[in-house]
C-alpha cells in the first residue's frame, strides 16, 4: 500500500497537476481572456495592500529563484556550498525570505478578513489558495529549520527526482525515504500547481512586459 501511494503521489500527481495547469490555462485564456488578471483590490484598499504585497512578492521571488537555481545548476550550487560560510549565508538568506513571504501572506489574509469590501470580492477558491500557500510556506520554513543545509540535499536528491519527471521517467527512490515534512512540502507544491489555473495566480503566465517601458499612468479621483 505504501509503495502504491508513493507512486501515486510522486509519479502520477505531478503529471496530473501539470496537465491540469496547461489544459485549463489554455481553455481559460481562449474563453475568458479578461480573467488572466490578478484582480487587484488595490483600489478598494491601498495602505495595507502595500505592506502585504511587497514582502510577499519579494520573498516568494527569491525563494522561487533559489529553487530554480538548485534545479538548473546543482553542481554549481554544491560547489558554492563547499565553503561553510557561504552555505550559512545562503541558508539564512533563504530562511529570511521564507519568513518574509509568510508575513506577507498573513498580512494579505488579515487584510481581506478585516475589510468588508474585500470580503465581498474574495471567492472560495481564493480562500483555498491562501490556505495552501500558507501551508506550503510553513512547511518550507519547517524543513529549513528541522533539516538544515537544504540547498545541498535539494541539489543532490530532489533535483535528480525532478529531472526524472521532466524526462518522463519518474524515479521516486530519491524521495520515498525523505522525512514526512519534506514529502508534504513536495505534494502540496504539486497541488498548488494543479490549482494554479483556477485562481488569480494565473496572471503570472501573462508576462506584463509593457509595464517595464510604458509611461506612468496618472489616476485622478473626482469627488462629487
N, C-alpha and C. Protein backbone atom coordinates (compact mmCIF):
# COMPACT_ATOMS: atom_id res chain seq x y z
N UNK A 1 0.82 -1.21 0.00
CA UNK A 1 0.00 0.00 0.00
C UNK A 1 0.86 1.26 0.00
N UNK A 2 1.95 1.21 0.81
CA UNK A 2 2.84 2.37 0.89
C UNK A 2 3.50 2.67 -0.44
N UNK A 3 3.98 1.64 -1.12
CA UNK A 3 4.64 1.83 -2.41
C UNK A 3 3.65 2.37 -3.45
N UNK A 4 2.41 1.87 -3.42
CA UNK A 4 1.39 2.33 -4.36
C UNK A 4 1.07 3.80 -4.11
N UNK A 5 0.93 4.18 -2.84
CA UNK A 5 0.62 5.57 -2.50
C UNK A 5 1.77 6.50 -2.89
N UNK A 6 2.99 6.06 -2.63
CA UNK A 6 4.16 6.86 -3.02
C UNK A 6 4.19 7.07 -4.53
N UNK A 7 3.91 6.01 -5.27
CA UNK A 7 3.91 6.12 -6.73
C UNK A 7 2.81 7.08 -7.19
N UNK A 8 1.66 7.00 -6.55
CA UNK A 8 0.54 7.86 -6.92
C UNK A 8 0.87 9.33 -6.65
N UNK A 9 1.48 9.60 -5.50
CA UNK A 9 1.74 10.97 -5.09
C UNK A 9 2.96 11.59 -5.79
N UNK A 10 3.98 10.77 -6.06
CA UNK A 10 5.22 11.34 -6.57
C UNK A 10 5.50 11.02 -8.04
N UNK A 11 4.71 10.11 -8.63
CA UNK A 11 4.91 9.79 -10.04
C UNK A 11 3.70 10.11 -10.91
N UNK A 12 2.50 10.07 -10.30
CA UNK A 12 1.28 10.35 -11.06
C UNK A 12 0.79 11.77 -10.84
N UNK A 13 0.72 12.19 -9.58
CA UNK A 13 0.23 13.53 -9.25
C UNK A 13 0.96 14.65 -10.00
N UNK A 14 2.31 14.61 -10.13
CA UNK A 14 2.99 15.69 -10.86
C UNK A 14 2.48 15.87 -12.28
N UNK A 15 2.24 14.78 -12.99
CA UNK A 15 1.77 14.88 -14.37
C UNK A 15 0.31 15.34 -14.43
N UNK A 16 -0.50 14.88 -13.49
CA UNK A 16 -1.89 15.34 -13.43
C UNK A 16 -1.93 16.85 -13.18
N UNK A 17 -1.07 17.33 -12.27
CA UNK A 17 -1.03 18.75 -11.94
C UNK A 17 -0.60 19.59 -13.14
N UNK A 18 0.46 19.15 -13.82
CA UNK A 18 0.96 19.90 -14.98
C UNK A 18 -0.05 19.86 -16.13
N UNK A 19 -0.67 18.69 -16.35
CA UNK A 19 -1.68 18.57 -17.40
C UNK A 19 -2.86 19.51 -17.12
N UNK A 20 -3.29 19.55 -15.88
CA UNK A 20 -4.38 20.44 -15.49
C UNK A 20 -3.98 21.90 -15.70
N UNK A 21 -2.76 22.23 -15.31
CA UNK A 21 -2.25 23.59 -15.49
C UNK A 21 -2.31 24.01 -16.96
N UNK A 22 -1.83 23.16 -17.83
CA UNK A 22 -1.76 23.51 -19.26
C UNK A 22 -3.15 23.57 -19.89
N UNK A 23 -3.95 22.54 -19.70
CA UNK A 23 -5.24 22.46 -20.36
C UNK A 23 -6.20 23.54 -19.88
N UNK A 24 -6.31 23.70 -18.57
CA UNK A 24 -7.24 24.69 -18.03
C UNK A 24 -6.78 26.11 -18.35
N UNK A 25 -5.47 26.35 -18.29
CA UNK A 25 -4.96 27.69 -18.61
C UNK A 25 -5.27 28.06 -20.05
N UNK A 26 -5.05 27.12 -20.97
CA UNK A 26 -5.32 27.39 -22.39
C UNK A 26 -6.81 27.64 -22.61
N UNK A 27 -7.65 26.78 -22.03
CA UNK A 27 -9.09 26.94 -22.19
C UNK A 27 -9.58 28.24 -21.56
N UNK A 28 -9.05 28.58 -20.40
CA UNK A 28 -9.46 29.81 -19.73
C UNK A 28 -9.04 31.03 -20.54
N UNK A 29 -7.86 30.98 -21.12
CA UNK A 29 -7.39 32.13 -21.90
C UNK A 29 -8.22 32.29 -23.17
N UNK A 30 -8.62 31.18 -23.76
CA UNK A 30 -9.41 31.24 -25.00
C UNK A 30 -10.83 31.71 -24.75
N UNK A 31 -11.40 31.32 -23.63
CA UNK A 31 -12.81 31.64 -23.38
C UNK A 31 -13.01 32.81 -22.42
N UNK A 32 -12.02 33.07 -21.55
CA UNK A 32 -12.17 34.15 -20.57
C UNK A 32 -10.85 34.89 -20.42
N UNK A 33 -10.37 35.45 -21.51
CA UNK A 33 -9.06 36.10 -21.51
C UNK A 33 -8.96 37.23 -20.48
N UNK A 34 -10.09 37.90 -20.23
CA UNK A 34 -10.07 39.02 -19.27
C UNK A 34 -9.71 38.55 -17.87
N UNK A 35 -10.02 37.30 -17.56
CA UNK A 35 -9.76 36.81 -16.20
C UNK A 35 -8.28 36.50 -15.97
N UNK A 36 -7.44 36.60 -17.01
CA UNK A 36 -6.00 36.45 -16.83
C UNK A 36 -5.47 37.72 -16.18
N UNK A 37 -5.86 37.92 -14.97
CA UNK A 37 -5.51 39.13 -14.23
C UNK A 37 -5.39 38.76 -12.76
N UNK A 38 -4.63 39.56 -12.04
CA UNK A 38 -4.51 39.33 -10.60
C UNK A 38 -5.76 39.81 -9.86
N UNK A 39 -6.68 40.48 -10.60
CA UNK A 39 -7.90 41.02 -9.99
C UNK A 39 -7.55 41.86 -8.76
N UNK A 40 -6.63 42.79 -8.96
CA UNK A 40 -6.11 43.58 -7.85
C UNK A 40 -7.21 44.31 -7.10
N UNK A 41 -7.10 44.30 -5.79
CA UNK A 41 -8.05 45.00 -4.93
C UNK A 41 -7.45 46.28 -4.37
N UNK A 42 -6.41 46.77 -5.04
CA UNK A 42 -5.69 47.94 -4.54
C UNK A 42 -6.59 49.17 -4.49
N UNK A 43 -7.52 49.30 -5.45
CA UNK A 43 -8.40 50.45 -5.45
C UNK A 43 -9.38 50.43 -4.28
N UNK A 44 -9.66 49.23 -3.79
CA UNK A 44 -10.57 49.11 -2.67
C UNK A 44 -9.89 49.41 -1.34
N UNK A 45 -8.61 49.13 -1.26
CA UNK A 45 -7.84 49.39 -0.04
C UNK A 45 -6.36 49.35 -0.40
N UNK A 46 -5.66 50.46 -0.16
CA UNK A 46 -4.30 50.57 -0.69
C UNK A 46 -3.20 50.48 0.37
N UNK A 47 -3.44 51.04 1.54
CA UNK A 47 -2.36 51.14 2.53
C UNK A 47 -1.87 49.76 2.99
N UNK A 48 -2.78 48.91 3.43
CA UNK A 48 -2.40 47.57 3.90
C UNK A 48 -2.03 46.67 2.72
N UNK A 49 -2.56 47.01 1.55
CA UNK A 49 -2.22 46.26 0.34
C UNK A 49 -0.71 46.31 0.11
N UNK A 50 -0.12 47.50 0.27
CA UNK A 50 1.33 47.67 0.06
C UNK A 50 2.12 46.81 1.02
N UNK A 51 1.78 46.86 2.31
CA UNK A 51 2.56 46.15 3.31
C UNK A 51 2.34 44.64 3.27
N UNK A 52 1.33 44.20 2.54
CA UNK A 52 1.12 42.76 2.36
C UNK A 52 1.80 42.26 1.10
N UNK A 53 1.59 42.96 -0.01
CA UNK A 53 2.06 42.50 -1.30
C UNK A 53 3.58 42.61 -1.46
N UNK A 54 4.16 43.68 -0.97
CA UNK A 54 5.60 43.88 -1.16
C UNK A 54 6.43 42.77 -0.50
N UNK A 55 6.24 42.49 0.80
CA UNK A 55 7.03 41.39 1.40
C UNK A 55 6.73 40.05 0.75
N UNK A 56 5.47 39.80 0.38
CA UNK A 56 5.13 38.53 -0.24
C UNK A 56 5.83 38.37 -1.58
N UNK A 57 5.75 39.37 -2.45
CA UNK A 57 6.32 39.24 -3.78
C UNK A 57 7.84 39.15 -3.75
N UNK A 58 8.48 39.98 -2.94
CA UNK A 58 9.95 39.92 -2.87
C UNK A 58 10.40 38.59 -2.25
N UNK A 59 9.71 38.17 -1.20
CA UNK A 59 10.10 36.92 -0.55
C UNK A 59 9.91 35.72 -1.45
N UNK A 60 8.73 35.61 -2.08
CA UNK A 60 8.45 34.44 -2.91
C UNK A 60 9.32 34.42 -4.15
N UNK A 61 9.66 35.59 -4.68
CA UNK A 61 10.52 35.64 -5.87
C UNK A 61 11.90 35.08 -5.58
N UNK A 62 12.47 35.46 -4.45
CA UNK A 62 13.81 34.98 -4.09
C UNK A 62 13.77 33.47 -3.82
N UNK A 63 12.74 33.02 -3.10
CA UNK A 63 12.61 31.59 -2.80
C UNK A 63 12.45 30.78 -4.08
N UNK A 64 11.62 31.27 -5.00
CA UNK A 64 11.40 30.57 -6.27
C UNK A 64 12.68 30.50 -7.09
N UNK A 65 13.39 31.62 -7.19
CA UNK A 65 14.64 31.64 -7.95
C UNK A 65 15.66 30.70 -7.33
N UNK A 66 15.69 30.63 -5.99
CA UNK A 66 16.60 29.72 -5.32
C UNK A 66 16.31 28.27 -5.67
N UNK A 67 15.04 27.90 -5.68
CA UNK A 67 14.66 26.54 -6.07
C UNK A 67 15.03 26.28 -7.54
N UNK A 68 14.83 27.28 -8.37
CA UNK A 68 15.13 27.14 -9.80
C UNK A 68 16.62 26.94 -10.03
N UNK A 69 17.45 27.67 -9.29
CA UNK A 69 18.90 27.53 -9.42
C UNK A 69 19.34 26.13 -8.98
N UNK A 70 18.76 25.65 -7.88
CA UNK A 70 19.10 24.31 -7.39
C UNK A 70 18.72 23.24 -8.41
N UNK A 71 17.63 23.47 -9.15
CA UNK A 71 17.22 22.51 -10.17
C UNK A 71 18.07 22.61 -11.42
N UNK A 72 18.39 23.83 -11.85
CA UNK A 72 19.09 24.04 -13.13
C UNK A 72 20.59 23.83 -13.03
N UNK A 73 21.19 24.22 -11.90
CA UNK A 73 22.65 24.15 -11.78
C UNK A 73 23.06 23.52 -10.44
N UNK A 74 22.71 22.27 -10.21
CA UNK A 74 23.01 21.65 -8.92
C UNK A 74 24.51 21.57 -8.62
N UNK A 75 25.33 21.32 -9.64
CA UNK A 75 26.78 21.22 -9.40
C UNK A 75 27.36 22.55 -8.95
N UNK A 76 26.92 23.63 -9.58
CA UNK A 76 27.40 24.95 -9.19
C UNK A 76 26.98 25.27 -7.76
N UNK A 77 25.77 24.88 -7.42
CA UNK A 77 25.28 25.13 -6.06
C UNK A 77 26.08 24.33 -5.04
N UNK A 78 26.35 23.07 -5.33
CA UNK A 78 27.14 22.25 -4.41
C UNK A 78 28.56 22.79 -4.29
N UNK A 79 29.09 23.31 -5.37
CA UNK A 79 30.43 23.92 -5.33
C UNK A 79 30.42 25.15 -4.43
N UNK A 80 29.36 25.96 -4.55
CA UNK A 80 29.21 27.14 -3.69
C UNK A 80 29.13 26.71 -2.22
N UNK A 81 28.41 25.63 -1.97
CA UNK A 81 28.21 25.17 -0.60
C UNK A 81 29.42 24.46 -0.01
N UNK A 82 30.47 24.29 -0.79
CA UNK A 82 31.67 23.63 -0.27
C UNK A 82 32.37 24.47 0.79
N UNK A 83 32.02 25.75 0.87
CA UNK A 83 32.60 26.63 1.88
C UNK A 83 31.55 26.87 2.97
N UNK A 84 31.85 26.56 4.23
CA UNK A 84 30.85 26.65 5.32
C UNK A 84 30.20 28.03 5.44
N UNK A 85 30.98 29.10 5.31
CA UNK A 85 30.43 30.44 5.46
C UNK A 85 29.43 30.75 4.35
N UNK A 86 29.76 30.32 3.13
CA UNK A 86 28.87 30.61 2.01
C UNK A 86 27.54 29.87 2.15
N UNK A 87 27.60 28.61 2.57
CA UNK A 87 26.36 27.85 2.72
C UNK A 87 25.52 28.41 3.87
N UNK A 88 26.18 28.90 4.92
CA UNK A 88 25.46 29.50 6.04
C UNK A 88 24.73 30.77 5.59
N UNK A 89 25.41 31.59 4.80
CA UNK A 89 24.79 32.82 4.28
C UNK A 89 23.58 32.47 3.40
N UNK A 90 23.75 31.46 2.57
CA UNK A 90 22.67 31.05 1.68
C UNK A 90 21.47 30.54 2.47
N UNK A 91 21.72 29.70 3.47
CA UNK A 91 20.64 29.12 4.25
C UNK A 91 19.88 30.19 5.04
N UNK A 92 20.62 31.09 5.67
CA UNK A 92 19.99 32.15 6.47
C UNK A 92 19.18 33.09 5.57
N UNK A 93 19.73 33.41 4.41
CA UNK A 93 19.03 34.30 3.47
C UNK A 93 17.74 33.66 2.98
N UNK A 94 17.80 32.37 2.65
CA UNK A 94 16.61 31.66 2.17
C UNK A 94 15.55 31.59 3.26
N UNK A 95 15.97 31.32 4.49
CA UNK A 95 15.03 31.25 5.61
C UNK A 95 14.38 32.62 5.84
N UNK A 96 15.18 33.68 5.77
CA UNK A 96 14.66 35.03 5.97
C UNK A 96 13.62 35.37 4.90
N UNK A 97 13.88 34.98 3.67
CA UNK A 97 12.93 35.25 2.59
C UNK A 97 11.66 34.41 2.75
N UNK A 98 11.80 33.20 3.27
CA UNK A 98 10.64 32.38 3.56
C UNK A 98 9.76 33.02 4.63
N UNK A 99 10.39 33.52 5.67
CA UNK A 99 9.65 34.21 6.74
C UNK A 99 9.00 35.48 6.20
N UNK A 100 9.70 36.21 5.34
CA UNK A 100 9.15 37.42 4.72
C UNK A 100 7.91 37.07 3.89
N UNK A 101 7.98 35.97 3.17
CA UNK A 101 6.83 35.52 2.38
C UNK A 101 5.65 35.21 3.28
N UNK A 102 5.90 34.52 4.39
CA UNK A 102 4.84 34.16 5.32
C UNK A 102 4.20 35.41 5.94
N UNK A 103 5.02 36.38 6.29
CA UNK A 103 4.50 37.64 6.84
C UNK A 103 3.57 38.31 5.83
N UNK A 104 4.00 38.34 4.57
CA UNK A 104 3.18 38.94 3.53
C UNK A 104 1.86 38.20 3.36
N UNK A 105 1.91 36.87 3.37
CA UNK A 105 0.70 36.07 3.21
C UNK A 105 -0.27 36.30 4.36
N UNK A 106 0.24 36.30 5.58
CA UNK A 106 -0.62 36.53 6.75
C UNK A 106 -1.25 37.91 6.69
N UNK A 107 -0.46 38.89 6.25
CA UNK A 107 -0.98 40.26 6.11
C UNK A 107 -2.07 40.31 5.05
N UNK A 108 -1.90 39.55 3.96
CA UNK A 108 -2.90 39.51 2.90
C UNK A 108 -4.21 38.91 3.41
N UNK A 109 -4.13 37.83 4.18
CA UNK A 109 -5.32 37.19 4.73
C UNK A 109 -6.00 38.10 5.74
N UNK A 110 -5.20 38.74 6.61
CA UNK A 110 -5.77 39.64 7.61
C UNK A 110 -6.45 40.83 6.93
N UNK A 111 -5.85 41.33 5.87
CA UNK A 111 -6.41 42.47 5.13
C UNK A 111 -7.77 42.11 4.55
N UNK A 112 -7.89 40.94 3.95
CA UNK A 112 -9.16 40.53 3.35
C UNK A 112 -10.19 40.17 4.41
N UNK A 113 -9.74 39.66 5.53
CA UNK A 113 -10.68 39.26 6.59
C UNK A 113 -11.26 40.46 7.32
N UNK A 114 -10.51 41.54 7.43
CA UNK A 114 -10.92 42.68 8.24
C UNK A 114 -11.54 43.82 7.44
N UNK A 115 -11.70 43.62 6.14
CA UNK A 115 -12.25 44.68 5.29
C UNK A 115 -13.50 44.13 4.59
N UNK A 116 -14.65 44.74 4.85
CA UNK A 116 -15.91 44.23 4.30
C UNK A 116 -15.93 44.29 2.78
N UNK A 117 -15.32 45.32 2.19
CA UNK A 117 -15.30 45.43 0.73
C UNK A 117 -14.49 44.29 0.11
N UNK A 118 -13.40 43.93 0.77
CA UNK A 118 -12.55 42.87 0.23
C UNK A 118 -13.17 41.49 0.44
N UNK A 119 -13.93 41.34 1.52
CA UNK A 119 -14.59 40.05 1.76
C UNK A 119 -15.60 39.74 0.66
N UNK A 120 -16.22 40.79 0.12
CA UNK A 120 -17.22 40.60 -0.93
C UNK A 120 -16.59 40.06 -2.21
N UNK A 121 -15.37 40.52 -2.51
CA UNK A 121 -14.71 40.11 -3.76
C UNK A 121 -13.75 38.94 -3.56
N UNK A 122 -13.80 38.33 -2.39
CA UNK A 122 -12.96 37.16 -2.11
C UNK A 122 -13.77 35.89 -2.37
N UNK A 123 -13.31 35.07 -3.30
CA UNK A 123 -14.03 33.87 -3.69
C UNK A 123 -13.57 32.67 -2.86
N UNK A 124 -14.35 31.59 -2.85
CA UNK A 124 -13.93 30.39 -2.12
C UNK A 124 -12.58 29.85 -2.60
N UNK A 125 -12.32 29.93 -3.92
CA UNK A 125 -11.04 29.43 -4.43
C UNK A 125 -9.89 30.30 -3.94
N UNK A 126 -10.16 31.60 -3.68
CA UNK A 126 -9.13 32.47 -3.10
C UNK A 126 -8.75 31.98 -1.71
N UNK A 127 -9.76 31.60 -0.94
CA UNK A 127 -9.52 31.12 0.42
C UNK A 127 -8.70 29.83 0.39
N UNK A 128 -9.08 28.91 -0.50
CA UNK A 128 -8.33 27.66 -0.65
C UNK A 128 -6.88 27.95 -1.04
N UNK A 129 -6.72 28.89 -1.96
CA UNK A 129 -5.38 29.26 -2.42
C UNK A 129 -4.53 29.79 -1.28
N UNK A 130 -5.08 30.70 -0.48
CA UNK A 130 -4.33 31.27 0.64
C UNK A 130 -3.94 30.19 1.65
N UNK A 131 -4.86 29.28 1.93
CA UNK A 131 -4.58 28.20 2.88
C UNK A 131 -3.43 27.32 2.38
N UNK A 132 -3.48 26.98 1.09
CA UNK A 132 -2.45 26.12 0.52
C UNK A 132 -1.10 26.82 0.44
N UNK A 133 -1.11 28.11 0.12
CA UNK A 133 0.14 28.86 0.07
C UNK A 133 0.76 29.01 1.45
N UNK A 134 -0.07 29.31 2.44
CA UNK A 134 0.44 29.43 3.81
C UNK A 134 1.00 28.08 4.26
N UNK A 135 0.28 27.00 3.98
CA UNK A 135 0.76 25.67 4.34
C UNK A 135 2.10 25.39 3.66
N UNK A 136 2.21 25.76 2.39
CA UNK A 136 3.45 25.50 1.65
C UNK A 136 4.63 26.25 2.26
N UNK A 137 4.41 27.50 2.60
CA UNK A 137 5.49 28.31 3.16
C UNK A 137 5.85 27.83 4.56
N UNK A 138 4.84 27.49 5.38
CA UNK A 138 5.10 26.99 6.73
C UNK A 138 5.90 25.68 6.66
N UNK A 139 5.51 24.81 5.74
CA UNK A 139 6.26 23.55 5.56
C UNK A 139 7.69 23.84 5.11
N UNK A 140 7.85 24.80 4.20
CA UNK A 140 9.19 25.15 3.73
C UNK A 140 10.07 25.67 4.85
N UNK A 141 9.49 26.54 5.69
CA UNK A 141 10.24 27.08 6.83
C UNK A 141 10.56 25.95 7.81
N UNK A 142 9.58 25.07 8.03
CA UNK A 142 9.81 23.94 8.92
C UNK A 142 10.93 23.04 8.43
N UNK A 143 10.94 22.78 7.13
CA UNK A 143 12.02 21.96 6.54
C UNK A 143 13.37 22.65 6.73
N UNK A 144 13.39 23.97 6.50
CA UNK A 144 14.65 24.71 6.62
C UNK A 144 15.20 24.67 8.05
N UNK A 145 14.29 24.70 9.02
CA UNK A 145 14.71 24.71 10.43
C UNK A 145 15.05 23.30 10.92
N UNK A 146 14.20 22.32 10.57
CA UNK A 146 14.38 20.96 11.08
C UNK A 146 15.44 20.17 10.33
N UNK A 147 15.59 20.47 9.05
CA UNK A 147 16.53 19.71 8.22
C UNK A 147 17.44 20.70 7.48
N UNK A 148 18.42 21.25 8.17
CA UNK A 148 19.28 22.30 7.59
C UNK A 148 20.14 21.80 6.43
N UNK A 149 20.78 22.76 5.79
CA UNK A 149 21.62 22.53 4.61
C UNK A 149 20.76 21.98 3.46
N UNK A 150 19.52 22.48 3.42
CA UNK A 150 18.58 22.02 2.41
C UNK A 150 19.03 22.29 0.99
N UNK A 151 19.77 23.37 0.78
CA UNK A 151 20.23 23.67 -0.58
C UNK A 151 21.12 22.56 -1.11
N UNK A 152 21.87 21.91 -0.22
CA UNK A 152 22.77 20.84 -0.65
C UNK A 152 22.00 19.55 -0.92
N UNK A 153 21.13 19.13 0.03
CA UNK A 153 20.42 17.87 -0.22
C UNK A 153 19.33 18.03 -1.27
N UNK A 154 18.86 19.27 -1.50
CA UNK A 154 17.93 19.50 -2.61
C UNK A 154 18.65 19.22 -3.93
N UNK A 155 19.85 19.79 -4.06
CA UNK A 155 20.61 19.61 -5.29
C UNK A 155 21.01 18.15 -5.50
N UNK A 156 21.26 17.45 -4.39
CA UNK A 156 21.74 16.06 -4.50
C UNK A 156 20.62 15.05 -4.67
N UNK A 157 19.42 15.34 -4.13
CA UNK A 157 18.34 14.34 -4.15
C UNK A 157 17.10 14.79 -4.92
N UNK A 158 16.61 15.98 -4.61
CA UNK A 158 15.37 16.42 -5.25
C UNK A 158 15.57 16.81 -6.71
N UNK A 159 16.73 17.36 -7.04
CA UNK A 159 16.98 17.72 -8.44
C UNK A 159 16.95 16.49 -9.35
N UNK A 160 17.63 15.38 -8.99
CA UNK A 160 17.52 14.17 -9.83
C UNK A 160 16.08 13.67 -9.95
N UNK A 161 15.32 13.76 -8.86
CA UNK A 161 13.92 13.34 -8.90
C UNK A 161 13.11 14.20 -9.87
N UNK A 162 13.26 15.53 -9.75
CA UNK A 162 12.52 16.44 -10.62
C UNK A 162 12.94 16.28 -12.08
N UNK A 163 14.21 16.03 -12.30
CA UNK A 163 14.68 15.82 -13.68
C UNK A 163 14.15 14.51 -14.24
N UNK A 164 13.99 13.51 -13.38
CA UNK A 164 13.41 12.24 -13.86
C UNK A 164 11.97 12.45 -14.29
N UNK A 165 11.25 13.34 -13.61
CA UNK A 165 9.90 13.68 -14.03
C UNK A 165 9.93 14.41 -15.37
N UNK A 166 10.90 15.28 -15.52
CA UNK A 166 11.00 16.09 -16.73
C UNK A 166 11.24 15.23 -17.97
N UNK A 167 11.99 14.15 -17.82
CA UNK A 167 12.28 13.30 -18.98
C UNK A 167 11.28 12.15 -19.09
N UNK A 168 10.17 12.25 -18.33
CA UNK A 168 9.08 11.28 -18.39
C UNK A 168 9.50 9.88 -17.94
N UNK A 169 10.43 9.83 -17.00
CA UNK A 169 10.86 8.55 -16.44
C UNK A 169 11.00 8.71 -14.92
N UNK A 170 9.88 8.89 -14.22
CA UNK A 170 9.93 9.22 -12.79
C UNK A 170 10.65 8.18 -11.95
N UNK A 171 11.58 8.67 -11.14
CA UNK A 171 12.33 7.82 -10.22
C UNK A 171 12.04 8.31 -8.80
N UNK A 172 11.09 7.65 -8.13
CA UNK A 172 10.67 8.12 -6.82
C UNK A 172 11.58 7.64 -5.70
N UNK A 173 12.61 6.89 -6.03
CA UNK A 173 13.52 6.38 -5.00
C UNK A 173 14.24 7.53 -4.28
N UNK A 174 14.33 8.67 -4.95
CA UNK A 174 15.01 9.82 -4.34
C UNK A 174 14.20 10.46 -3.22
N UNK A 175 12.87 10.24 -3.22
CA UNK A 175 12.02 10.96 -2.28
C UNK A 175 11.26 10.07 -1.29
N UNK A 176 11.13 8.78 -1.58
CA UNK A 176 10.27 7.93 -0.74
C UNK A 176 10.77 7.81 0.69
N UNK A 177 12.06 7.96 0.91
CA UNK A 177 12.61 7.81 2.26
C UNK A 177 12.87 9.15 2.94
N UNK A 178 12.41 10.21 2.33
CA UNK A 178 12.61 11.54 2.92
C UNK A 178 11.65 11.75 4.09
N UNK A 179 11.95 12.67 4.99
CA UNK A 179 11.05 12.96 6.13
C UNK A 179 9.67 13.37 5.65
N UNK A 180 8.66 13.11 6.47
CA UNK A 180 7.28 13.39 6.10
C UNK A 180 7.06 14.87 5.79
N UNK A 181 7.75 15.75 6.49
CA UNK A 181 7.58 17.18 6.25
C UNK A 181 8.04 17.56 4.85
N UNK A 182 9.13 16.96 4.41
CA UNK A 182 9.63 17.22 3.06
C UNK A 182 8.65 16.68 2.03
N UNK A 183 8.12 15.48 2.29
CA UNK A 183 7.15 14.89 1.37
C UNK A 183 5.90 15.77 1.24
N UNK A 184 5.41 16.26 2.38
CA UNK A 184 4.22 17.11 2.35
C UNK A 184 4.48 18.40 1.58
N UNK A 185 5.69 18.91 1.72
CA UNK A 185 6.08 20.13 1.01
C UNK A 185 6.04 19.88 -0.51
N UNK A 186 6.52 18.73 -0.93
CA UNK A 186 6.53 18.37 -2.35
C UNK A 186 5.12 18.16 -2.87
N UNK A 187 4.33 17.39 -2.12
CA UNK A 187 2.96 17.08 -2.54
C UNK A 187 2.12 18.35 -2.64
N UNK A 188 2.22 19.21 -1.63
CA UNK A 188 1.44 20.44 -1.64
C UNK A 188 1.85 21.35 -2.80
N UNK A 189 3.13 21.32 -3.17
CA UNK A 189 3.60 22.11 -4.31
C UNK A 189 2.90 21.66 -5.59
N UNK A 190 2.77 20.35 -5.78
CA UNK A 190 2.08 19.84 -6.98
C UNK A 190 0.59 20.19 -6.94
N UNK A 191 -0.01 20.16 -5.76
CA UNK A 191 -1.42 20.52 -5.63
C UNK A 191 -1.63 22.00 -5.97
N UNK A 192 -0.70 22.85 -5.56
CA UNK A 192 -0.78 24.27 -5.89
C UNK A 192 -0.69 24.47 -7.40
N UNK A 193 0.20 23.70 -8.03
CA UNK A 193 0.33 23.78 -9.49
C UNK A 193 -0.99 23.40 -10.16
N UNK A 194 -1.64 22.35 -9.66
CA UNK A 194 -2.91 21.94 -10.23
C UNK A 194 -4.02 22.94 -10.00
N UNK A 195 -3.98 23.63 -8.86
CA UNK A 195 -4.99 24.64 -8.55
C UNK A 195 -4.73 25.95 -9.28
N UNK A 196 -3.49 26.16 -9.65
CA UNK A 196 -3.00 27.41 -10.24
C UNK A 196 -3.93 28.00 -11.30
N UNK A 197 -4.35 27.25 -12.34
CA UNK A 197 -5.12 27.87 -13.41
C UNK A 197 -6.54 28.26 -13.02
N UNK A 198 -7.01 27.86 -11.84
CA UNK A 198 -8.35 28.21 -11.38
C UNK A 198 -8.36 29.48 -10.53
N UNK A 199 -7.16 30.05 -10.28
CA UNK A 199 -7.04 31.15 -9.34
C UNK A 199 -6.50 32.41 -10.00
N UNK A 200 -6.37 33.45 -9.19
CA UNK A 200 -5.83 34.72 -9.67
C UNK A 200 -4.33 34.61 -9.99
N UNK A 201 -3.68 33.55 -9.51
CA UNK A 201 -2.25 33.37 -9.79
C UNK A 201 -1.98 33.19 -11.28
N UNK A 202 -3.01 32.88 -12.06
CA UNK A 202 -2.83 32.61 -13.47
C UNK A 202 -2.27 33.82 -14.21
N UNK A 203 -2.38 35.01 -13.62
CA UNK A 203 -1.88 36.21 -14.29
C UNK A 203 -0.36 36.17 -14.48
N UNK A 204 0.32 35.30 -13.72
CA UNK A 204 1.77 35.18 -13.86
C UNK A 204 2.13 34.68 -15.26
N UNK A 205 1.23 33.92 -15.88
CA UNK A 205 1.51 33.36 -17.20
C UNK A 205 1.50 34.42 -18.30
N UNK A 206 0.89 35.56 -18.03
CA UNK A 206 0.87 36.65 -18.99
C UNK A 206 1.88 37.68 -18.51
N UNK A 207 3.10 37.57 -19.01
CA UNK A 207 4.19 38.42 -18.54
C UNK A 207 3.90 39.87 -18.91
N UNK A 208 3.80 40.78 -17.93
CA UNK A 208 3.44 42.17 -18.21
C UNK A 208 4.62 43.00 -18.69
N UNK A 209 5.22 42.61 -19.82
CA UNK A 209 6.39 43.34 -20.31
C UNK A 209 6.15 44.84 -20.53
N UNK A 210 4.99 45.26 -21.06
CA UNK A 210 4.79 46.70 -21.30
C UNK A 210 4.98 47.55 -20.05
N UNK A 211 4.78 46.96 -18.85
CA UNK A 211 4.95 47.73 -17.63
C UNK A 211 6.39 48.21 -17.45
N UNK A 212 7.32 47.55 -18.15
CA UNK A 212 8.73 47.89 -17.98
C UNK A 212 9.09 49.19 -18.69
N UNK A 213 8.33 49.54 -19.74
CA UNK A 213 8.72 50.73 -20.50
C UNK A 213 7.61 51.75 -20.74
N UNK A 214 6.37 51.41 -20.39
CA UNK A 214 5.29 52.36 -20.67
C UNK A 214 5.38 53.55 -19.72
N UNK A 215 4.77 54.66 -20.12
CA UNK A 215 4.77 55.85 -19.29
C UNK A 215 3.88 55.64 -18.07
N UNK A 216 4.22 56.36 -17.01
CA UNK A 216 3.44 56.25 -15.78
C UNK A 216 2.02 56.72 -16.01
N UNK A 217 1.06 55.95 -15.53
CA UNK A 217 -0.34 56.34 -15.65
C UNK A 217 -0.76 57.14 -14.43
N UNK A 218 -1.41 58.27 -14.68
CA UNK A 218 -1.88 59.13 -13.61
C UNK A 218 -3.35 58.89 -13.38
N UNK A 219 -3.71 58.57 -12.15
CA UNK A 219 -5.11 58.32 -11.80
C UNK A 219 -5.60 59.47 -10.93
N UNK A 220 -6.69 60.11 -11.34
CA UNK A 220 -7.26 61.23 -10.58
C UNK A 220 -8.61 60.83 -10.02
N UNK A 221 -8.83 61.19 -8.79
CA UNK A 221 -10.11 60.92 -8.14
C UNK A 221 -10.93 62.21 -8.11
N UNK A 222 -12.17 62.14 -8.54
CA UNK A 222 -13.07 63.29 -8.51
C UNK A 222 -14.20 63.01 -7.53
N UNK A 223 -14.34 63.87 -6.58
CA UNK A 223 -15.39 63.71 -5.58
C UNK A 223 -16.53 64.66 -5.90
N UNK A 224 -17.71 64.11 -6.06
CA UNK A 224 -18.87 64.93 -6.42
C UNK A 224 -19.54 65.55 -5.19
